[in-house]
Amino acid sequence: MTQPPLSNEALKSLNAQLDRKVFELESLLKAGEVLQAELDVPVLCSLLIAMVRERVPVDQLALLLHDPIEGTLAVEAVEGL
């Protein structure tokens, strides 16, 4: 059983959804490539903060790292605080 063809509006909406998904996937790929290449933890954390800021509209952001030995969290990078 075949479905009826989609209207132009429906096609435009689906195309916009696909464009957003492609952008998200490209952003994740770029982030993965950048993060994989960085070994310095403070630099890596700063990169993560910058990448989050590109995607999430926030004024303040902090990145905490878990120390499994001490069982504590430590602030590693901040922005806007």
C-alpha atoms as a PDB file:
ATOM      1  CA  MET A   1       0.000   0.000   0.000  1.00  0.00           C
ATOM      2  CA  THR A   2       1.498   3.318  -1.045  1.00  0.00           C
ATOM      3  CA  GLN A   3       1.013   6.583   0.768  1.00  0.00           C
ATOM      4  CA  PRO A   4      -0.218   9.702  -0.976  1.00  0.00           C
ATOM      5  CA  PRO A   5       2.475  12.220  -1.976  1.00  0.00           C
ATOM      6  CA  LEU A   6       3.371  14.850   0.587  1.00  0.00           C
ATOM      7  CA  SER A   7       2.317  18.456   0.137  1.00  0.00           C
ATOM      8  CA  ASN A   8       4.900  21.173  -0.504  1.00  0.00           C
ATOM      9  CA  GLU A   9       4.421  22.441   3.066  1.00  0.00           C
ATOM     10  CA  ALA A  10       5.028  18.993   4.497  1.00  0.00           C
ATOM     11  CA  LEU A  11       8.130  18.559   2.337  1.00  0.00           C
ATOM     12  CA  LYS A  12       9.477  21.970   3.415  1.00  0.00           C
ATOM     13  CA  SER A  13       8.907  21.082   7.053  1.00  0.00           C
ATOM     14  CA  LEU A  14      10.663  17.734   6.698  1.00  0.00           C
ATOM     15  CA  ASN A  15      13.523  19.383   4.825  1.00  0.00           C
ATOM     16  CA  ALA A  16      13.957  21.946   7.614  1.00  0.00           C
ATOM     17  CA  GLN A  17      13.997  19.138  10.194  1.00  0.00           C
ATOM     18  CA  LEU A  18      16.635  17.286   8.199  1.00  0.00           C
ATOM     19  CA  ASP A  19      18.735  20.446   7.858  1.00  0.00           C
ATOM     20  CA  ARG A  20      18.665  20.933  11.644  1.00  0.00           C
ATOM     21  CA  LYS A  21      19.607  17.309  12.242  1.00  0.00           C
ATOM     22  CA  VAL A  22      22.492  17.503   9.743  1.00  0.00           C
ATOM     23  CA  PHE A  23      23.742  20.674  11.473  1.00  0.00           C
ATOM     24  CA  GLU A  24      23.588  18.947  14.864  1.00  0.00           C
ATOM     25  CA  LEU A  25      25.455  15.901  13.588  1.00  0.00           C
ATOM     26  CA  GLU A  26      28.105  18.024  11.871  1.00  0.00           C
ATOM     27  CA  SER A  27      28.546  19.987  15.104  1.00  0.00           C
ATOM     28  CA  LEU A  28      29.007  16.776  17.079  1.00  0.00           C
ATOM     29  CA  LEU A  29      31.524  15.464  14.545  1.00  0.00           C
ATOM     30  CA  LYS A  30      33.488  18.727  14.683  1.00  0.00           C
ATOM     31  CA  ALA A  31      33.403  18.705  18.478  1.00  0.00           C
ATOM     32  CA  GLY A  32      34.622  15.122  18.591  1.00  0.00           C
ATOM     33  CA  GLU A  33      37.513  15.859  16.247  1.00  0.00           C
ATOM     34  CA  VAL A  34      38.601  18.927  18.230  1.00  0.00           C
ATOM     35  CA  LEU A  35      38.254  17.243  21.615  1.00  0.00           C
ATOM     36  CA  GLN A  36      40.065  14.102  20.515  1.00  0.00           C
ATOM     37  CA  ALA A  37      43.079  16.140  19.419  1.00  0.00           C
ATOM     38  CA  GLU A  38      43.451  17.954  22.767  1.00  0.00           C
ATOM     39  CA  LEU A  39      45.261  16.267  25.659  1.00  0.00           C
ATOM     40  CA  ASP A  40      45.653  19.183  28.076  1.00  0.00           C
ATOM     41  CA  VAL A  41      42.732  18.973  30.545  1.00  0.00           C
ATOM     42  CA  PRO A  42      42.349  22.727  31.236  1.00  0.00           C
ATOM     43  CA  VAL A  43      42.403  23.489  27.500  1.00  0.00           C
ATOM     44  CA  LEU A  44      39.997  20.628  26.845  1.00  0.00           C
ATOM     45  CA  CYS A  45      37.599  21.983  29.477  1.00  0.00           C
ATOM     46  CA  SER A  46      37.766  25.477  27.994  1.00  0.00           C
ATOM     47  CA  LEU A  47      36.982  24.026  24.575  1.00  0.00           C
ATOM     48  CA  LEU A  48      34.002  22.176  26.027  1.00  0.00           C
ATOM     49  CA  ILE A  49      32.711  25.388  27.629  1.00  0.00           C
ATOM     50  CA  ALA A  50      33.015  27.220  24.298  1.00  0.00           C
ATOM     51  CA  MET A  51      31.221  24.441  22.426  1.00  0.00           C
ATOM     52  CA  VAL A  52      28.370  24.350  24.916  1.00  0.00           C
ATOM     53  CA  ARG A  53      28.040  28.139  24.698  1.00  0.00           C
ATOM     54  CA  GLU A  54      27.629  27.844  20.917  1.00  0.00           C
ATOM     55  CA  ARG A  55      24.662  25.519  21.332  1.00  0.00           C
ATOM     56  CA  VAL A  56      22.994  26.563  24.597  1.00  0.00           C
ATOM     57  CA  PRO A  57      21.882  30.139  25.332  1.00  0.00           C
ATOM     58  CA  VAL A  58      23.167  30.581  28.889  1.00  0.00           C
ATOM     59  CA  ASP A  59      24.872  33.485  30.668  1.00  0.00           C
ATOM     60  CA  GLN A  60      26.781  31.391  33.172  1.00  0.00           C
ATOM     61  CA  LEU A  61      28.405  28.018  32.781  1.00  0.00           C
ATOM     62  CA  ALA A  62      30.666  25.856  34.907  1.00  0.00           C
ATOM     63  CA  LEU A  63      32.355  22.552  34.181  1.00  0.00           C
ATOM     64  CA  LEU A  64      33.036  20.297  37.150  1.00  0.00           C
ATOM     65  CA  LEU A  65      35.195  17.203  37.088  1.00  0.00           C
ATOM     66  CA  HIS A  66      34.645  14.239  39.367  1.00  0.00           C
ATOM     67  CA  ASP A  67      37.582  12.927  41.385  1.00  0.00           C
ATOM     68  CA  PRO A  68      36.705   9.261  41.952  1.00  0.00           C
ATOM     69  CA  ILE A  69      39.421   8.781  44.560  1.00  0.00           C
ATOM     70  CA  GLU A  70      38.339  11.719  46.719  1.00  0.00           C
ATOM     71  CA  GLY A  71      34.673  11.411  45.775  1.00  0.00           C
ATOM     72  CA  THR A  72      34.481  15.145  45.143  1.00  0.00           C
ATOM     73  CA  LEU A  73      33.727  17.554  42.326  1.00  0.00           C
ATOM     74  CA  ALA A  74      36.173  20.266  41.328  1.00  0.00           C
ATOM     75  CA  VAL A  75      35.424  23.326  39.204  1.00  0.00           C
ATOM     76  CA  GLU A  76      37.668  23.069  36.165  1.00  0.00           C
ATOM     77  CA  ALA A  77      36.328  25.802  33.874  1.00  0.00           C
ATOM     78  CA  VAL A  78      33.793  28.614  34.176  1.00  0.00           C
ATOM     79  CA  GLU A  79      32.332  31.365  32.062  1.00  0.00           C
ATOM     80  CA  GLY A  80      30.186  34.263  33.185  1.00  0.00           C
ATOM     81  CA  LEU A  81      30.586  33.529  36.911  1.00  0.00           C
END
